[in-house]
Amino acid sequence: MNTHLQTVEWVWLDEVQSVTLTELARVCGISTDDVDELVEYGALQPLVEGPSEADRRLFSADCVTRMRTASKLRLDFDLDLFAVALLLDHIQRIETLERQVRSLQAQLPTRH
């Protein structure tokens, strides 16, 4: 029996870390052109513009989850990037509202 071991590298990302355009595209399974287009639609905001052409933009590492969602939506539902950008905006709004509801619920007095 031929057994192949696969090495998986895990990196824990948080919002204080940044990733380049190329890194973001690679880890999310989306092309750099698609990331650029999502930036044009306002679905993604770069932190800074970088000096080199390949990595001209830096993004907060917390964008990884958002871009993975974008990639999955696009593949699962065969959507164009404009539709994906709209959905991402609505998902972000829902998540914000859910956080606000949880915060308000935590302020309510507990019932015994």
PDB file of N, CA and C in Angstrom:
ATOM      1  N   MET A   1       0.843  -1.168   0.000  1.00  0.00           N
ATOM      2  CA  MET A   1       0.000   0.000   0.000  1.00  0.00           C
ATOM      3  C   MET A   1       0.896   1.241   0.000  1.00  0.00           C
ATOM      4  N   ASN A   2       0.564   2.184  -0.874  1.00  0.00           N
ATOM      5  CA  ASN A   2       1.330   3.408  -1.016  1.00  0.00           C
ATOM      6  C   ASN A   2       0.619   4.521  -0.248  1.00  0.00           C
ATOM      7  N   THR A   3       1.253   5.021   0.797  1.00  0.00           N
ATOM      8  CA  THR A   3       0.665   6.066   1.622  1.00  0.00           C
ATOM      9  C   THR A   3       1.414   7.366   1.389  1.00  0.00           C
ATOM     10  N   HIS A   4       0.641   8.415   1.086  1.00  0.00           N
ATOM     11  CA  HIS A   4       1.229   9.739   0.883  1.00  0.00           C
ATOM     12  C   HIS A   4       0.831  10.627   2.046  1.00  0.00           C
ATOM     13  N   LEU A   5       1.816  11.262   2.615  1.00  0.00           N
ATOM     14  CA  LEU A   5       1.551  12.207   3.687  1.00  0.00           C
ATOM     15  C   LEU A   5       1.480  13.610   3.093  1.00  0.00           C
ATOM     16  N   GLN A   6       0.471  14.324   3.493  1.00  0.00           N
ATOM     17  CA  GLN A   6       0.330  15.685   3.016  1.00  0.00           C
ATOM     18  C   GLN A   6       0.598  16.631   4.177  1.00  0.00           C
ATOM     19  N   THR A   7       1.460  17.593   3.940  1.00  0.00           N
ATOM     20  CA  THR A   7       1.770  18.581   4.952  1.00  0.00           C
ATOM     21  C   THR A   7       0.858  19.777   4.758  1.00  0.00           C
ATOM     22  N   VAL A   8       0.250  20.184   5.833  1.00  0.00           N
ATOM     23  CA  VAL A   8      -0.631  21.342   5.797  1.00  0.00           C
ATOM     24  C   VAL A   8      -0.062  22.403   6.729  1.00  0.00           C
ATOM     25  N   GLU A   9       0.084  23.603   6.207  1.00  0.00           N
ATOM     26  CA  GLU A   9       0.604  24.698   7.014  1.00  0.00           C
ATOM     27  C   GLU A   9      -0.563  25.573   7.454  1.00  0.00           C
ATOM     28  N   TRP A  10      -0.640  25.807   8.752  1.00  0.00           N
ATOM     29  CA  TRP A  10      -1.693  26.637   9.311  1.00  0.00           C
ATOM     30  C   TRP A  10      -1.088  27.934   9.800  1.00  0.00           C
ATOM     31  N   VAL A  11      -1.727  29.008   9.471  1.00  0.00           N
ATOM     32  CA  VAL A  11      -1.313  30.313   9.962  1.00  0.00           C
ATOM     33  C   VAL A  11      -2.556  30.980  10.533  1.00  0.00           C
ATOM     34  N   TRP A  12      -2.469  31.398  11.783  1.00  0.00           N
ATOM     35  CA  TRP A  12      -3.586  32.072  12.429  1.00  0.00           C
ATOM     36  C   TRP A  12      -3.500  33.554  12.097  1.00  0.00           C
ATOM     37  N   LEU A  13      -4.502  34.061  11.396  1.00  0.00           N
ATOM     38  CA  LEU A  13      -4.503  35.450  10.985  1.00  0.00           C
ATOM     39  C   LEU A  13      -5.457  36.254  11.854  1.00  0.00           C
ATOM     40  N   ASP A  14      -5.098  37.490  12.122  1.00  0.00           N
ATOM     41  CA  ASP A  14      -6.017  38.393  12.820  1.00  0.00           C
ATOM     42  C   ASP A  14      -6.019  39.737  12.109  1.00  0.00           C
ATOM     43  N   GLU A  15      -6.877  40.624  12.594  1.00  0.00           N
ATOM     44  CA  GLU A  15      -7.066  41.886  11.890  1.00  0.00           C
ATOM     45  C   GLU A  15      -5.860  42.814  11.935  1.00  0.00           C
ATOM     46  N   VAL A  16      -4.885  42.560  12.797  1.00  0.00           N
ATOM     47  CA  VAL A  16      -3.707  43.421  12.827  1.00  0.00           C
ATOM     48  C   VAL A  16      -2.651  42.975  11.830  1.00  0.00           C
ATOM     49  N   GLN A  17      -2.796  41.800  11.276  1.00  0.00           N
ATOM     50  CA  GLN A  17      -1.866  41.334  10.256  1.00  0.00           C
ATOM     51  C   GLN A  17      -2.359  41.783   8.887  1.00  0.00           C
ATOM     52  N   SER A  18      -1.454  41.799   7.934  1.00  0.00           N
ATOM     53  CA  SER A  18      -1.848  42.156   6.574  1.00  0.00           C
ATOM     54  C   SER A  18      -1.368  41.088   5.601  1.00  0.00           C
ATOM     55  N   VAL A  19      -2.041  41.022   4.464  1.00  0.00           N
ATOM     56  CA  VAL A  19      -1.687  40.099   3.393  1.00  0.00           C
ATOM     57  C   VAL A  19      -1.610  40.887   2.097  1.00  0.00           C
ATOM     58  N   THR A  20      -0.764  40.430   1.207  1.00  0.00           N
ATOM     59  CA  THR A  20      -0.658  41.079  -0.094  1.00  0.00           C
ATOM     60  C   THR A  20      -1.808  40.627  -0.976  1.00  0.00           C
ATOM     61  N   LEU A  21      -1.977  41.328  -2.066  1.00  0.00           N
ATOM     62  CA  LEU A  21      -2.993  40.969  -3.053  1.00  0.00           C
ATOM     63  C   LEU A  21      -2.793  39.533  -3.527  1.00  0.00           C
ATOM     64  N   THR A  22      -1.562  39.176  -3.831  1.00  0.00           N
ATOM     65  CA  THR A  22      -1.250  37.826  -4.315  1.00  0.00           C
ATOM     66  C   THR A  22      -1.558  36.776  -3.262  1.00  0.00           C
ATOM     67  N   GLU A  23      -1.177  37.032  -2.006  1.00  0.00           N
ATOM     68  CA  GLU A  23      -1.456  36.079  -0.927  1.00  0.00           C
ATOM     69  C   GLU A  23      -2.956  35.911  -0.712  1.00  0.00           C
ATOM     70  N   LEU A  24      -3.678  37.017  -0.707  1.00  0.00           N
ATOM     71  CA  LEU A  24      -5.119  36.969  -0.511  1.00  0.00           C
ATOM     72  C   LEU A  24      -5.782  36.145  -1.608  1.00  0.00           C
ATOM     73  N   ALA A  25      -5.394  36.388  -2.838  1.00  0.00           N
ATOM     74  CA  ALA A  25      -5.964  35.638  -3.965  1.00  0.00           C
ATOM     75  C   ALA A  25      -5.646  34.149  -3.846  1.00  0.00           C
ATOM     76  N   ARG A  26      -4.404  33.829  -3.490  1.00  0.00           N
ATOM     77  CA  ARG A  26      -3.988  32.428  -3.408  1.00  0.00           C
ATOM     78  C   ARG A  26      -4.747  31.675  -2.329  1.00  0.00           C
ATOM     79  N   VAL A  27      -4.831  32.223  -1.128  1.00  0.00           N
ATOM     80  CA  VAL A  27      -5.466  31.491  -0.030  1.00  0.00           C
ATOM     81  C   VAL A  27      -6.983  31.422  -0.163  1.00  0.00           C
ATOM     82  N   CYS A  28      -7.544  32.287  -1.004  1.00  0.00           N
ATOM     83  CA  CYS A  28      -9.001  32.307  -1.158  1.00  0.00           C
ATOM     84  C   CYS A  28      -9.469  31.636  -2.446  1.00  0.00           C
ATOM     85  N   GLY A  29      -8.529  31.210  -3.281  1.00  0.00           N
ATOM     86  CA  GLY A  29      -8.908  30.540  -4.514  1.00  0.00           C
ATOM     87  C   GLY A  29      -9.609  31.463  -5.497  1.00  0.00           C
ATOM     88  N   ILE A  30      -9.149  32.703  -5.557  1.00  0.00           N
ATOM     89  CA  ILE A  30      -9.742  33.697  -6.445  1.00  0.00           C
ATOM     90  C   ILE A  30      -8.595  34.416  -7.150  1.00  0.00           C
ATOM     91  N   SER A  31      -8.804  34.882  -8.346  1.00  0.00           N
ATOM     92  CA  SER A  31      -7.714  35.518  -9.088  1.00  0.00           C
ATOM     93  C   SER A  31      -7.458  36.932  -8.564  1.00  0.00           C
ATOM     94  N   THR A  32      -6.257  37.424  -8.820  1.00  0.00           N
ATOM     95  CA  THR A  32      -5.928  38.791  -8.400  1.00  0.00           C
ATOM     96  C   THR A  32      -6.797  39.798  -9.156  1.00  0.00           C
ATOM     97  N   ASP A  33      -7.135  39.496 -10.399  1.00  0.00           N
ATOM     98  CA  ASP A  33      -8.019  40.383 -11.158  1.00  0.00           C
ATOM     99  C   ASP A  33      -9.402  40.451 -10.510  1.00  0.00           C
ATOM    100  N   ASP A  34      -9.875  39.307 -10.005  1.00  0.00           N
ATOM    101  CA  ASP A  34     -11.170  39.284  -9.328  1.00  0.00           C
ATOM    102  C   ASP A  34     -11.126  40.086  -8.035  1.00  0.00           C
ATOM    103  N   VAL A  35     -10.027  39.986  -7.299  1.00  0.00           N
ATOM    104  CA  VAL A  35      -9.877  40.775  -6.072  1.00  0.00           C
ATOM    105  C   VAL A  35      -9.890  42.261  -6.431  1.00  0.00           C
ATOM    106  N   ASP A  36      -9.150  42.627  -7.476  1.00  0.00           N
ATOM    107  CA  ASP A  36      -9.135  44.025  -7.926  1.00  0.00           C
ATOM    108  C   ASP A  36     -10.541  44.509  -8.291  1.00  0.00           C
ATOM    109  N   GLU A  37     -11.302  43.660  -8.961  1.00  0.00           N
ATOM    110  CA  GLU A  37     -12.659  44.028  -9.356  1.00  0.00           C
ATOM    111  C   GLU A  37     -13.556  44.211  -8.131  1.00  0.00           C
ATOM    112  N   LEU A  38     -13.392  43.345  -7.133  1.00  0.00           N
ATOM    113  CA  LEU A  38     -14.170  43.495  -5.901  1.00  0.00           C
ATOM    114  C   LEU A  38     -13.802  44.784  -5.170  1.00  0.00           C
ATOM    115  N   VAL A  39     -12.541  45.189  -5.263  1.00  0.00           N
ATOM    116  CA  VAL A  39     -12.122  46.480  -4.694  1.00  0.00           C
ATOM    117  C   VAL A  39     -12.823  47.614  -5.443  1.00  0.00           C
ATOM    118  N   GLU A  40     -12.874  47.519  -6.768  1.00  0.00           N
ATOM    119  CA  GLU A  40     -13.535  48.551  -7.571  1.00  0.00           C
ATOM    120  C   GLU A  40     -15.015  48.675  -7.207  1.00  0.00           C
ATOM    121  N   TYR A  41     -15.668  47.566  -6.883  1.00  0.00           N
ATOM    122  CA  TYR A  41     -17.080  47.574  -6.506  1.00  0.00           C
ATOM    123  C   TYR A  41     -17.297  48.000  -5.055  1.00  0.00           C
ATOM    124  N   GLY A  42     -16.211  48.179  -4.311  1.00  0.00           N
ATOM    125  CA  GLY A  42     -16.321  48.607  -2.919  1.00  0.00           C
ATOM    126  C   GLY A  42     -16.580  47.483  -1.934  1.00  0.00           C
ATOM    127  N   ALA A  43     -16.465  46.234  -2.383  1.00  0.00           N
ATOM    128  CA  ALA A  43     -16.700  45.084  -1.509  1.00  0.00           C
ATOM    129  C   ALA A  43     -15.495  44.785  -0.628  1.00  0.00           C
ATOM    130  N   LEU A  44     -14.379  45.384  -0.946  1.00  0.00           N
ATOM    131  CA  LEU A  44     -13.124  45.119  -0.244  1.00  0.00           C
ATOM    132  C   LEU A  44     -12.296  46.398  -0.267  1.00  0.00           C
ATOM    133  N   GLN A  45     -11.708  46.719   0.862  1.00  0.00           N
ATOM    134  CA  GLN A  45     -10.906  47.934   0.965  1.00  0.00           C
ATOM    135  C   GLN A  45      -9.456  47.576   1.287  1.00  0.00           C
ATOM    136  N   PRO A  46      -8.509  47.966   0.439  1.00  0.00           N
ATOM    137  CA  PRO A  46      -7.103  47.722   0.773  1.00  0.00           C
ATOM    138  C   PRO A  46      -6.657  48.640   1.906  1.00  0.00           C
ATOM    139  N   LEU A  47      -5.687  48.152   2.678  1.00  0.00           N
ATOM    140  CA  LEU A  47      -5.104  48.984   3.737  1.00  0.00           C
ATOM    141  C   LEU A  47      -4.222  50.063   3.131  1.00  0.00           C
ATOM    142  N   VAL A  48      -3.317  49.617   2.262  1.00  0.00           N
ATOM    143  CA  VAL A  48      -2.373  50.530   1.609  1.00  0.00           C
ATOM    144  C   VAL A  48      -2.061  50.024   0.219  1.00  0.00           C
ATOM    145  N   GLU A  49      -1.578  50.921  -0.591  1.00  0.00           N
ATOM    146  CA  GLU A  49      -1.081  50.562  -1.908  1.00  0.00           C
ATOM    147  C   GLU A  49       0.411  50.259  -1.776  1.00  0.00           C
ATOM    148  N   GLY A  50       0.856  49.114  -2.302  1.00  0.00           N
ATOM    149  CA  GLY A  50       2.251  48.712  -2.203  1.00  0.00           C
ATOM    150  C   GLY A  50       3.071  49.171  -3.388  1.00  0.00           C
ATOM    151  N   PRO A  51       4.397  49.029  -3.304  1.00  0.00           N
ATOM    152  CA  PRO A  51       5.280  49.538  -4.350  1.00  0.00           C
ATOM    153  C   PRO A  51       5.376  48.662  -5.597  1.00  0.00           C
ATOM    154  N   SER A  52       5.261  47.342  -5.464  1.00  0.00           N
ATOM    155  CA  SER A  52       5.463  46.483  -6.631  1.00  0.00           C
ATOM    156  C   SER A  52       4.155  46.204  -7.342  1.00  0.00           C
ATOM    157  N   GLU A  53       4.227  45.880  -8.609  1.00  0.00           N
ATOM    158  CA  GLU A  53       3.036  45.612  -9.415  1.00  0.00           C
ATOM    159  C   GLU A  53       2.300  44.377  -8.923  1.00  0.00           C
ATOM    160  N   ALA A  54       3.012  43.291  -8.612  1.00  0.00           N
ATOM    161  CA  ALA A  54       2.373  42.042  -8.199  1.00  0.00           C
ATOM    162  C   ALA A  54       1.662  42.178  -6.855  1.00  0.00           C
ATOM    163  N   ASP A  55       2.246  42.914  -5.960  1.00  0.00           N
ATOM    164  CA  ASP A  55       1.663  43.077  -4.633  1.00  0.00           C
ATOM    165  C   ASP A  55       1.397  44.543  -4.347  1.00  0.00           C
ATOM    166  N   ARG A  56       0.687  45.174  -5.247  1.00  0.00           N
ATOM    167  CA  ARG A  56       0.468  46.614  -5.144  1.00  0.00           C
ATOM    168  C   ARG A  56      -0.509  47.005  -4.050  1.00  0.00           C
ATOM    169  N   ARG A  57      -1.205  46.042  -3.486  1.00  0.00           N
ATOM    170  CA  ARG A  57      -2.152  46.350  -2.421  1.00  0.00           C
ATOM    171  C   ARG A  57      -1.936  45.429  -1.235  1.00  0.00           C
ATOM    172  N   LEU A  58      -2.115  45.989  -0.058  1.00  0.00           N
ATOM    173  CA  LEU A  58      -2.102  45.197   1.172  1.00  0.00           C
ATOM    174  C   LEU A  58      -3.499  45.243   1.771  1.00  0.00           C
ATOM    175  N   PHE A  59      -3.915  44.100   2.316  1.00  0.00           N
ATOM    176  CA  PHE A  59      -5.241  43.973   2.897  1.00  0.00           C
ATOM    177  C   PHE A  59      -5.126  43.465   4.321  1.00  0.00           C
ATOM    178  N   SER A  60      -6.082  43.830   5.131  1.00  0.00           N
ATOM    179  CA  SER A  60      -6.153  43.282   6.480  1.00  0.00           C
ATOM    180  C   SER A  60      -6.406  41.783   6.367  1.00  0.00           C
ATOM    181  N   ALA A  61      -5.767  41.014   7.220  1.00  0.00           N
ATOM    182  CA  ALA A  61      -5.908  39.554   7.161  1.00  0.00           C
ATOM    183  C   ALA A  61      -7.336  39.104   7.457  1.00  0.00           C
ATOM    184  N   ASP A  62      -8.128  39.957   8.095  1.00  0.00           N
ATOM    185  CA  ASP A  62      -9.513  39.553   8.345  1.00  0.00           C
ATOM    186  C   ASP A  62     -10.342  39.532   7.060  1.00  0.00           C
ATOM    187  N   CYS A  63      -9.776  40.000   5.947  1.00  0.00           N
ATOM    188  CA  CYS A  63     -10.448  39.921   4.642  1.00  0.00           C
ATOM    189  C   CYS A  63     -10.468  38.500   4.089  1.00  0.00           C
ATOM    190  N   VAL A  64      -9.609  37.642   4.615  1.00  0.00           N
ATOM    191  CA  VAL A  64      -9.507  36.278   4.092  1.00  0.00           C
ATOM    192  C   VAL A  64     -10.852  35.565   4.175  1.00  0.00           C
ATOM    193  N   THR A  65     -11.507  35.633   5.318  1.00  0.00           N
ATOM    194  CA  THR A  65     -12.797  34.963   5.472  1.00  0.00           C
ATOM    195  C   THR A  65     -13.812  35.529   4.495  1.00  0.00           C
ATOM    196  N   ARG A  66     -13.823  36.829   4.368  1.00  0.00           N
ATOM    197  CA  ARG A  66     -14.749  37.505   3.441  1.00  0.00           C
ATOM    198  C   ARG A  66     -14.503  37.075   2.002  1.00  0.00           C
ATOM    199  N   MET A  67     -13.243  36.986   1.597  1.00  0.00           N
ATOM    200  CA  MET A  67     -12.930  36.601   0.220  1.00  0.00           C
ATOM    201  C   MET A  67     -13.171  35.110  -0.028  1.00  0.00           C
ATOM    202  N   ARG A  68     -12.991  34.300   0.995  1.00  0.00           N
ATOM    203  CA  ARG A  68     -13.338  32.879   0.845  1.00  0.00           C
ATOM    204  C   ARG A  68     -14.837  32.721   0.651  1.00  0.00           C
ATOM    205  N   THR A  69     -15.612  33.519   1.362  1.00  0.00           N
ATOM    206  CA  THR A  69     -17.061  33.510   1.179  1.00  0.00           C
ATOM    207  C   THR A  69     -17.400  33.951  -0.243  1.00  0.00           C
ATOM    208  N   ALA A  70     -16.730  34.988  -0.724  1.00  0.00           N
ATOM    209  CA  ALA A  70     -16.957  35.474  -2.093  1.00  0.00           C
ATOM    210  C   ALA A  70     -16.661  34.387  -3.108  1.00  0.00           C
ATOM    211  N   SER A  71     -15.548  33.702  -2.930  1.00  0.00           N
ATOM    212  CA  SER A  71     -15.163  32.637  -3.854  1.00  0.00           C
ATOM    213  C   SER A  71     -16.191  31.510  -3.847  1.00  0.00           C
ATOM    214  N   LYS A  72     -16.644  31.122  -2.655  1.00  0.00           N
ATOM    215  CA  LYS A  72     -17.629  30.050  -2.536  1.00  0.00           C
ATOM    216  C   LYS A  72     -18.964  30.447  -3.164  1.00  0.00           C
ATOM    217  N   LEU A  73     -19.425  31.670  -2.895  1.00  0.00           N
ATOM    218  CA  LEU A  73     -20.670  32.148  -3.499  1.00  0.00           C
ATOM    219  C   LEU A  73     -20.592  32.139  -5.023  1.00  0.00           C
ATOM    220  N   ARG A  74     -19.468  32.598  -5.517  1.00  0.00           N
ATOM    221  CA  ARG A  74     -19.295  32.679  -6.974  1.00  0.00           C
ATOM    222  C   ARG A  74     -19.336  31.300  -7.616  1.00  0.00           C
ATOM    223  N   LEU A  75     -18.631  30.354  -7.009  1.00  0.00           N
ATOM    224  CA  LEU A  75     -18.599  28.999  -7.564  1.00  0.00           C
ATOM    225  C   LEU A  75     -19.917  28.259  -7.373  1.00  0.00           C
ATOM    226  N   ASP A  76     -20.482  28.334  -6.175  1.00  0.00           N
ATOM    227  CA  ASP A  76     -21.701  27.589  -5.871  1.00  0.00           C
ATOM    228  C   ASP A  76     -22.904  28.055  -6.682  1.00  0.00           C
ATOM    229  N   PHE A  77     -22.988  29.367  -6.923  1.00  0.00           N
ATOM    230  CA  PHE A  77     -24.170  29.908  -7.582  1.00  0.00           C
ATOM    231  C   PHE A  77     -23.883  30.510  -8.953  1.00  0.00           C
ATOM    232  N   ASP A  78     -22.661  30.339  -9.440  1.00  0.00           N
ATOM    233  CA  ASP A  78     -22.261  30.832 -10.757  1.00  0.00           C
ATOM    234  C   ASP A  78     -22.615  32.312 -10.919  1.00  0.00           C
ATOM    235  N   LEU A  79     -22.159  33.129  -9.951  1.00  0.00           N
ATOM    236  CA  LEU A  79     -22.480  34.550  -9.928  1.00  0.00           C
ATOM    237  C   LEU A  79     -21.367  35.381 -10.539  1.00  0.00           C
ATOM    238  N   ASP A  80     -21.740  36.529 -11.082  1.00  0.00           N
ATOM    239  CA  ASP A  80     -20.706  37.466 -11.512  1.00  0.00           C
ATOM    240  C   ASP A  80     -20.220  38.241 -10.287  1.00  0.00           C
ATOM    241  N   LEU A  81     -19.124  38.940 -10.439  1.00  0.00           N
ATOM    242  CA  LEU A  81     -18.506  39.605  -9.291  1.00  0.00           C
ATOM    243  C   LEU A  81     -19.340  40.760  -8.745  1.00  0.00           C
ATOM    244  N   PHE A  82     -20.120  41.413  -9.593  1.00  0.00           N
ATOM    245  CA  PHE A  82     -20.973  42.477  -9.095  1.00  0.00           C
ATOM    246  C   PHE A  82     -22.013  41.916  -8.131  1.00  0.00           C
ATOM    247  N   ALA A  83     -22.627  40.782  -8.495  1.00  0.00           N
ATOM    248  CA  ALA A  83     -23.605  40.136  -7.612  1.00  0.00           C
ATOM    249  C   ALA A  83     -22.940  39.673  -6.317  1.00  0.00           C
ATOM    250  N   VAL A  84     -21.731  39.149  -6.410  1.00  0.00           N
ATOM    251  CA  VAL A  84     -20.988  38.720  -5.227  1.00  0.00           C
ATOM    252  C   VAL A  84     -20.727  39.921  -4.312  1.00  0.00           C
ATOM    253  N   ALA A  85     -20.335  41.054  -4.890  1.00  0.00           N
ATOM    254  CA  ALA A  85     -20.081  42.265  -4.102  1.00  0.00           C
ATOM    255  C   ALA A  85     -21.344  42.705  -3.361  1.00  0.00           C
ATOM    256  N   LEU A  86     -22.487  42.655  -4.033  1.00  0.00           N
ATOM    257  CA  LEU A  86     -23.752  43.015  -3.384  1.00  0.00           C
ATOM    258  C   LEU A  86     -24.064  42.065  -2.232  1.00  0.00           C
ATOM    259  N   LEU A  87     -23.892  40.765  -2.478  1.00  0.00           N
ATOM    260  CA  LEU A  87     -24.162  39.784  -1.424  1.00  0.00           C
ATOM    261  C   LEU A  87     -23.226  39.970  -0.236  1.00  0.00           C
ATOM    262  N   LEU A  88     -21.962  40.240  -0.492  1.00  0.00           N
ATOM    263  CA  LEU A  88     -21.011  40.454   0.596  1.00  0.00           C
ATOM    264  C   LEU A  88     -21.417  41.648   1.440  1.00  0.00           C
ATOM    265  N   ASP A  89     -21.904  42.702   0.796  1.00  0.00           N
ATOM    266  CA  ASP A  89     -22.360  43.877   1.532  1.00  0.00           C
ATOM    267  C   ASP A  89     -23.533  43.516   2.437  1.00  0.00           C
ATOM    268  N   HIS A  90     -24.478  42.754   1.912  1.00  0.00           N
ATOM    269  CA  HIS A  90     -25.637  42.356   2.717  1.00  0.00           C
ATOM    270  C   HIS A  90     -25.238  41.413   3.854  1.00  0.00           C
ATOM    271  N   ILE A  91     -24.322  40.506   3.584  1.00  0.00           N
ATOM    272  CA  ILE A  91     -23.849  39.594   4.631  1.00  0.00           C
ATOM    273  C   ILE A  91     -23.180  40.390   5.752  1.00  0.00           C
ATOM    274  N   GLN A  92     -22.359  41.376   5.384  1.00  0.00           N
ATOM    275  CA  GLN A  92     -21.693  42.198   6.395  1.00  0.00           C
ATOM    276  C   GLN A  92     -22.712  42.973   7.224  1.00  0.00           C
ATOM    277  N   ARG A  93     -23.734  43.506   6.584  1.00  0.00           N
ATOM    278  CA  ARG A  93     -24.775  44.229   7.308  1.00  0.00           C
ATOM    279  C   ARG A  93     -25.506  43.309   8.281  1.00  0.00           C
ATOM    280  N   ILE A  94     -25.811  42.102   7.842  1.00  0.00           N
ATOM    281  CA  ILE A  94     -26.491  41.126   8.708  1.00  0.00           C
ATOM    282  C   ILE A  94     -25.622  40.793   9.909  1.00  0.00           C
ATOM    283  N   GLU A  95     -24.329  40.559   9.677  1.00  0.00           N
ATOM    284  CA  GLU A  95     -23.414  40.234  10.779  1.00  0.00           C
ATOM    285  C   GLU A  95     -23.328  41.387  11.774  1.00  0.00           C
ATOM    286  N   THR A  96     -23.299  42.615  11.276  1.00  0.00           N
ATOM    287  CA  THR A  96     -23.268  43.788  12.161  1.00  0.00           C
ATOM    288  C   THR A  96     -24.534  43.862  13.001  1.00  0.00           C
ATOM    289  N   LEU A  97     -25.678  43.659  12.366  1.00  0.00           N
ATOM    290  CA  LEU A  97     -26.952  43.688  13.092  1.00  0.00           C
ATOM    291  C   LEU A  97     -27.036  42.563  14.125  1.00  0.00           C
ATOM    292  N   GLU A  98     -26.529  41.384  13.779  1.00  0.00           N
ATOM    293  CA  GLU A  98     -26.528  40.270  14.735  1.00  0.00           C
ATOM    294  C   GLU A  98     -25.665  40.593  15.955  1.00  0.00           C
ATOM    295  N   ARG A  99     -24.504  41.220  15.733  1.00  0.00           N
ATOM    296  CA  ARG A  99     -23.646  41.619  16.854  1.00  0.00           C
ATOM    297  C   ARG A  99     -24.366  42.634  17.739  1.00  0.00           C
ATOM    298  N   GLN A 100     -25.051  43.571  17.119  1.00  0.00           N
ATOM    299  CA  GLN A 100     -25.781  44.580  17.889  1.00  0.00           C
ATOM    300  C   GLN A 100     -26.897  43.935  18.708  1.00  0.00           C
ATOM    301  N   VAL A 101     -27.618  42.989  18.132  1.00  0.00           N
ATOM    302  CA  VAL A 101     -28.697  42.297  18.860  1.00  0.00           C
ATOM    303  C   VAL A 101     -28.120  41.539  20.048  1.00  0.00           C
ATOM    304  N   ARG A 102     -27.006  40.814  19.840  1.00  0.00           N
ATOM    305  CA  ARG A 102     -26.383  40.083  20.949  1.00  0.00           C
ATOM    306  C   ARG A 102     -25.937  41.036  22.047  1.00  0.00           C
ATOM    307  N   SER A 103     -25.388  42.179  21.660  1.00  0.00           N
ATOM    308  CA  SER A 103     -24.947  43.164  22.645  1.00  0.00           C
ATOM    309  C   SER A 103     -26.136  43.698  23.440  1.00  0.00           C
ATOM    310  N   LEU A 104     -27.212  43.999  22.758  1.00  0.00           N
ATOM    311  CA  LEU A 104     -28.408  44.498  23.445  1.00  0.00           C
ATOM    312  C   LEU A 104     -29.026  43.422  24.335  1.00  0.00           C
ATOM    313  N   GLN A 105     -29.025  42.182  23.877  1.00  0.00           N
ATOM    314  CA  GLN A 105     -29.549  41.087  24.690  1.00  0.00           C
ATOM    315  C   GLN A 105     -28.729  40.888  25.955  1.00  0.00           C
ATOM    316  N   ALA A 106     -27.432  41.109  25.845  1.00  0.00           N
ATOM    317  CA  ALA A 106     -26.555  40.947  27.009  1.00  0.00           C
ATOM    318  C   ALA A 106     -26.809  42.035  28.050  1.00  0.00           C
ATOM    319  N   GLN A 107     -27.360  43.144  27.632  1.00  0.00           N
ATOM    320  CA  GLN A 107     -27.642  44.242  28.557  1.00  0.00           C
ATOM    321  C   GLN A 107     -28.987  44.075  29.279  1.00  0.00           C
ATOM    322  N   LEU A 108     -29.828  43.174  28.769  1.00  0.00           N
ATOM    323  CA  LEU A 108     -31.134  42.956  29.402  1.00  0.00           C
ATOM    324  C   LEU A 108     -30.961  42.279  30.750  1.00  0.00           C
ATOM    325  N   PRO A 109     -31.806  42.615  31.695  1.00  0.00           N
ATOM    326  CA  PRO A 109     -31.719  41.922  32.989  1.00  0.00           C
ATOM    327  C   PRO A 109     -32.107  40.446  32.830  1.00  0.00           C
ATOM    328  N   THR A 110     -31.416  39.609  33.551  1.00  0.00           N
ATOM    329  CA  THR A 110     -31.715  38.172  33.454  1.00  0.00           C
ATOM    330  C   THR A 110     -32.952  37.840  34.262  1.00  0.00           C
ATOM    331  N   ARG A 111     -33.705  36.886  33.761  1.00  0.00           N
ATOM    332  CA  ARG A 111     -34.925  36.447  34.456  1.00  0.00           C
ATOM    333  C   ARG A 111     -34.612  35.216  35.267  1.00  0.00           C
ATOM    334  N   HIS A 112     -35.175  35.158  36.459  1.00  0.00           N
ATOM    335  CA  HIS A 112     -34.946  34.005  37.337  1.00  0.00           C
ATOM    336  C   HIS A 112     -36.181  33.181  37.444  1.00  0.00           C
TER     337      HIS A 112
END
